[in-house]
Amino acid sequence: MSQRNQAVTNSLQTPAISRRHLLLGAGSFAVLGISGCSQTFELPDMGVDTTSTGSIRPQISIDKSVTVPDVMYAAVQEGPYSLPAIPYQKVPVQFRRQIVVDPTGEQPGTIVVRLQERFLYLVQPGGDAIRYGVGIGKDGFLWSGRANIQYKKEWPRWTPPREMIQRKPELVKYQNGMEPGPQNPLGARALYIYKDGADTGYRIHGSPEWWSIGQSMSSGCVRLINQDIIDLYSRVSGKATVVVG
């Protein structure tokens, strides 16, 4: 081959080699760019969420009874008793039933009431908790400690303590108990708190006064929206541990 023809051949091959090297080089830069700048690289959805501690854990669980508010707070008919639907739009979002990452560190099945937060947590397996908004007692009518649910009742009777009747003589008509029903102060369900085998006098119960959730205004018991206490009641078995503080 003549020198002229060889020069022409070389001139035609060189750009192809250069382009190949250029493409390889660009790929290298792209890899470096991905590893060196996380802002330009999005991980695929791996089904995880990141907690405030920066650790990675599975997404919170799904529960058929923790769903949209229209379902959770719909009207309820149980035998002769009717509960109206709750106007949940008037209940602050944080006080509606929901699944959250468990902040308590307690064993599954434990009920934890955070008085200052106005939350009740039912600890679940796997690091979750079901959280309910609660109303609590006024200053001077608060109890705290570690105890157990001794027993529970559906549609309980309410009997005001003697001290309450002394403060409010109009309640004397209920000294032998108030019939169950939607207007009963204990609502649709009650869980009775005992410590060392003795009745503390405190209850976790429903309330017809849904607007009082998140407030401090009762005589000491922990009250929930009736639809929420029905849900909690169905989940509590045995002498569950209760931590109030």
Protein backbone atom coordinates (compact mmCIF):
# COMPACT_ATOMS: atom_id res chain seq x y z
CA MET A 1 0.00 0.00 0.00
CA SER A 2 1.28 3.42 -0.90
CA GLN A 3 2.07 5.93 1.79
CA ARG A 4 -0.79 8.13 0.56
CA ASN A 5 -3.35 5.29 0.81
CA GLN A 6 -2.05 4.30 4.27
CA ALA A 7 -2.46 7.89 5.48
CA VAL A 8 -6.02 7.98 4.19
CA THR A 9 -6.82 4.69 5.97
CA ASN A 10 -5.35 5.92 9.24
CA SER A 11 -7.28 9.16 9.00
CA LEU A 12 -10.55 7.21 8.65
CA GLN A 13 -9.84 4.83 11.57
CA THR A 14 -8.65 7.37 14.13
CA PRO A 15 -12.00 9.17 14.72
CA ALA A 16 -13.74 5.84 15.35
CA ILE A 17 -11.21 4.89 18.00
CA SER A 18 -11.43 8.34 19.52
CA ARG A 19 -15.21 8.19 19.68
CA ARG A 20 -15.05 4.79 21.39
CA HIS A 21 -12.61 6.11 23.95
CA LEU A 22 -14.74 9.19 24.41
CA LEU A 23 -17.86 7.12 25.06
CA LEU A 24 -16.03 4.93 27.54
CA GLY A 25 -14.67 7.99 29.25
CA ALA A 26 -18.09 9.58 29.46
CA GLY A 27 -19.43 6.38 31.02
CA SER A 28 -16.71 6.51 33.63
CA PHE A 29 -17.56 10.09 34.44
CA ALA A 30 -21.22 9.10 34.71
CA VAL A 31 -20.37 6.38 37.24
CA LEU A 32 -18.19 8.78 39.18
CA GLY A 33 -20.98 11.31 39.07
CA ILE A 34 -23.46 8.80 40.54
CA SER A 35 -21.17 7.70 43.34
CA GLY A 36 -19.98 11.18 44.16
CA CYS A 37 -23.23 13.16 44.02
CA SER A 38 -26.27 11.54 45.57
CA GLN A 39 -28.46 14.39 44.35
CA THR A 40 -28.26 13.08 40.80
CA PHE A 41 -29.11 9.47 41.69
CA GLU A 42 -32.46 8.18 42.93
CA LEU A 43 -32.67 4.79 44.62
CA PRO A 44 -35.59 2.60 43.53
CA ASP A 45 -38.50 2.17 45.94
CA MET A 46 -37.30 -0.58 48.28
CA GLY A 47 -40.31 -0.50 50.62
CA VAL A 48 -38.52 1.18 53.52
CA ASP A 49 -38.95 4.35 55.49
CA THR A 50 -36.32 6.25 57.44
CA THR A 51 -36.93 7.07 61.10
CA SER A 52 -35.73 10.19 62.85
CA THR A 53 -32.66 8.30 64.11
CA GLY A 54 -31.48 7.71 60.55
CA SER A 55 -31.87 3.94 60.70
CA ILE A 56 -33.81 2.05 58.06
CA ARG A 57 -36.79 -0.12 59.01
CA PRO A 58 -39.72 -1.78 57.16
CA GLN A 59 -42.74 0.36 56.43
CA ILE A 60 -45.39 0.47 59.15
CA SER A 61 -47.90 -2.32 59.03
CA ILE A 62 -51.32 -2.30 57.44
CA ASP A 63 -54.42 -2.95 59.53
CA LYS A 64 -57.94 -3.35 58.20
CA SER A 65 -59.34 -1.42 61.18
CA VAL A 66 -57.01 1.55 60.69
CA THR A 67 -58.30 3.01 57.47
CA VAL A 68 -59.92 6.19 56.20
CA PRO A 69 -61.80 8.32 58.78
CA ASP A 70 -65.12 7.85 56.99
CA VAL A 71 -64.91 4.16 57.84
CA MET A 72 -63.28 4.36 61.28
CA TYR A 73 -65.72 6.94 62.58
CA ALA A 74 -68.92 5.83 60.88
CA ALA A 75 -72.15 5.30 62.83
CA VAL A 76 -72.34 2.07 64.87
CA GLN A 77 -75.37 -0.05 65.71
CA GLU A 78 -74.93 -2.68 68.43
CA GLY A 79 -78.16 -4.31 69.52
CA PRO A 80 -80.33 -1.60 71.06
CA TYR A 81 -77.47 0.92 71.17
CA SER A 82 -76.72 3.41 68.40
CA LEU A 83 -73.62 5.55 68.13
CA PRO A 84 -73.72 8.51 65.75
CA ALA A 85 -71.00 9.08 63.18
CA ILE A 86 -68.19 11.29 64.46
CA PRO A 87 -67.63 14.59 62.63
CA TYR A 88 -63.96 13.69 62.42
CA GLN A 89 -63.12 16.83 60.45
CA LYS A 90 -63.48 18.65 63.78
CA VAL A 91 -61.04 16.26 65.51
CA PRO A 92 -57.39 17.29 65.05
CA VAL A 93 -55.61 14.86 62.73
CA GLN A 94 -53.08 13.81 65.38
CA PHE A 95 -55.87 12.55 67.64
CA ARG A 96 -57.41 10.23 65.06
CA ARG A 97 -56.63 6.49 65.11
CA GLN A 98 -53.44 5.71 63.21
CA ILE A 99 -50.43 3.39 63.03
CA VAL A 100 -47.11 4.93 64.04
CA VAL A 101 -43.57 3.83 64.82
CA ASP A 102 -43.64 2.70 68.47
CA PRO A 103 -42.00 5.37 70.67
CA THR A 104 -42.43 3.49 73.96
CA GLY A 105 -40.03 0.55 73.88
CA GLU A 106 -42.61 -1.59 75.70
CA GLN A 107 -43.54 -5.18 74.89
CA PRO A 108 -46.28 -5.87 72.31
CA GLY A 109 -49.72 -5.80 73.89
CA THR A 110 -48.79 -3.06 76.38
CA ILE A 111 -51.03 0.01 76.67
CA VAL A 112 -49.08 3.22 77.17
CA VAL A 113 -50.82 6.52 77.98
CA ARG A 114 -48.75 9.67 77.50
CA LEU A 115 -50.60 12.26 79.56
CA GLN A 116 -48.81 15.32 78.22
CA GLU A 117 -49.17 14.22 74.61
CA ARG A 118 -52.81 13.09 75.04
CA PHE A 119 -52.00 9.85 73.23
CA LEU A 120 -52.66 6.21 74.02
CA TYR A 121 -50.39 3.67 72.32
CA LEU A 122 -51.14 -0.03 71.94
CA VAL A 123 -47.77 -1.59 71.18
CA GLN A 124 -47.72 -3.96 68.19
CA PRO A 125 -45.21 -6.64 67.14
CA GLY A 126 -42.53 -5.48 64.74
CA GLY A 127 -41.91 -1.99 66.12
CA ASP A 128 -45.27 -0.34 65.45
CA ALA A 129 -48.03 0.97 67.69
CA ILE A 130 -51.65 1.90 67.17
CA ARG A 131 -52.13 5.41 68.48
CA TYR A 132 -55.41 6.90 69.70
CA GLY A 133 -56.16 10.40 70.90
CA VAL A 134 -57.38 10.60 74.49
CA GLY A 135 -58.83 13.02 76.98
CA ILE A 136 -57.43 12.96 80.50
CA GLY A 137 -58.25 14.17 83.99
CA LYS A 138 -57.78 17.68 85.27
CA ASP A 139 -54.91 18.56 87.61
CA GLY A 140 -55.64 16.96 90.93
CA PHE A 141 -57.52 14.10 89.28
CA LEU A 142 -54.63 12.38 87.57
CA TRP A 143 -53.24 8.92 88.22
CA SER A 144 -50.00 7.56 86.88
CA GLY A 145 -48.09 4.36 87.31
CA ARG A 146 -47.73 0.82 86.04
CA ALA A 147 -50.67 -1.51 86.46
CA ASN A 148 -52.87 -4.03 84.61
CA ILE A 149 -56.25 -4.31 82.96
CA GLN A 150 -58.07 -6.56 85.43
CA TYR A 151 -61.18 -6.95 83.28
CA LYS A 152 -63.20 -5.16 80.63
CA LYS A 153 -66.87 -4.61 79.87
CA GLU A 154 -69.05 -3.84 76.88
CA TRP A 155 -71.64 -1.13 77.45
CA PRO A 156 -70.77 -0.75 81.15
CA ARG A 157 -72.84 0.83 83.92
CA TRP A 158 -71.39 3.98 85.42
CA THR A 159 -71.46 4.51 89.18
CA PRO A 160 -70.05 7.84 90.35
CA PRO A 161 -67.77 7.57 93.39
CA ARG A 162 -68.98 9.02 96.70
CA GLU A 163 -66.47 11.85 96.46
CA MET A 164 -67.93 12.89 93.11
CA ILE A 165 -71.47 12.81 94.46
CA GLN A 166 -70.34 15.03 97.33
CA ARG A 167 -68.96 17.53 94.83
CA LYS A 168 -71.96 17.21 92.54
CA PRO A 169 -75.07 16.32 94.60
CA GLU A 170 -77.17 16.14 91.41
CA LEU A 171 -75.45 12.83 90.67
CA VAL A 172 -77.00 11.13 93.70
CA LYS A 173 -79.64 9.66 91.38
CA TYR A 174 -76.88 7.50 89.89
CA GLN A 175 -75.53 6.22 93.20
CA ASN A 176 -76.66 2.72 92.24
CA GLY A 177 -75.38 3.09 88.69
CA MET A 178 -76.40 4.66 85.41
CA GLU A 179 -77.86 2.42 82.74
CA PRO A 180 -75.60 1.65 79.75
CA GLY A 181 -76.12 3.61 76.58
CA PRO A 182 -74.66 6.17 74.19
CA GLN A 183 -74.93 8.96 76.80
CA ASN A 184 -73.34 6.96 79.61
CA PRO A 185 -70.05 8.63 80.67
CA LEU A 186 -68.20 5.32 80.23
CA GLY A 187 -69.40 5.00 76.66
CA ALA A 188 -69.43 1.77 74.70
CA ARG A 189 -66.55 -0.01 76.45
CA ALA A 190 -64.47 0.22 79.63
CA LEU A 191 -61.14 -1.29 80.68
CA TYR A 192 -60.68 -1.43 84.47
CA ILE A 193 -57.22 -0.60 85.83
CA TYR A 194 -55.98 -2.52 88.89
CA LYS A 195 -52.61 -2.27 90.62
CA ASP A 196 -51.35 -5.12 92.80
CA GLY A 197 -54.83 -6.61 92.73
CA ALA A 198 -56.55 -3.45 94.01
CA ASP A 199 -58.92 -1.26 92.00
CA THR A 200 -57.30 2.09 91.23
CA GLY A 201 -60.70 3.61 90.44
CA TYR A 202 -59.40 4.60 87.03
CA ARG A 203 -60.71 3.38 83.71
CA ILE A 204 -59.89 3.54 80.03
CA HIS A 205 -63.28 4.07 78.44
CA GLY A 206 -65.35 5.58 75.67
CA SER A 207 -67.05 8.93 75.80
CA PRO A 208 -69.97 10.53 73.98
CA GLU A 209 -68.07 13.84 74.23
CA TRP A 210 -65.83 13.33 71.21
CA TRP A 211 -64.92 17.03 71.26
CA SER A 212 -63.14 16.57 74.61
CA ILE A 213 -60.44 14.34 73.10
CA GLY A 214 -57.07 16.00 73.48
CA GLN A 215 -58.24 18.01 76.48
CA SER A 216 -57.84 17.80 80.24
CA MET A 217 -61.30 18.02 81.77
CA SER A 218 -62.51 14.71 83.22
CA SER A 219 -62.30 13.43 86.79
CA GLY A 220 -59.27 11.31 86.10
CA CYS A 221 -60.11 8.50 83.70
CA VAL A 222 -58.66 8.10 80.22
CA ARG A 223 -61.40 8.55 77.63
CA LEU A 224 -61.48 7.81 73.91
CA ILE A 225 -63.91 8.38 71.07
CA ASN A 226 -66.46 5.55 71.30
CA GLN A 227 -65.45 4.12 67.92
CA ASP A 228 -61.83 4.06 69.11
CA ILE A 229 -62.54 2.35 72.43
CA ILE A 230 -64.47 -0.34 70.54
CA ASP A 231 -61.39 -0.91 68.38
CA LEU A 232 -59.00 -0.90 71.36
CA TYR A 233 -61.26 -3.23 73.35
CA SER A 234 -61.20 -5.80 70.54
CA ARG A 235 -57.40 -5.86 70.60
CA VAL A 236 -56.79 -6.17 74.35
CA SER A 237 -56.70 -9.67 75.80
CA GLY A 238 -55.78 -11.00 79.23
CA LYS A 239 -54.47 -8.74 81.94
CA ALA A 240 -52.61 -6.36 79.67
CA THR A 241 -49.98 -4.11 81.17
CA VAL A 242 -50.90 -0.42 81.40
CA VAL A 243 -48.31 2.33 81.76
CA VAL A 244 -49.64 5.83 82.48
CA GLY A 245 -47.28 8.74 82.80
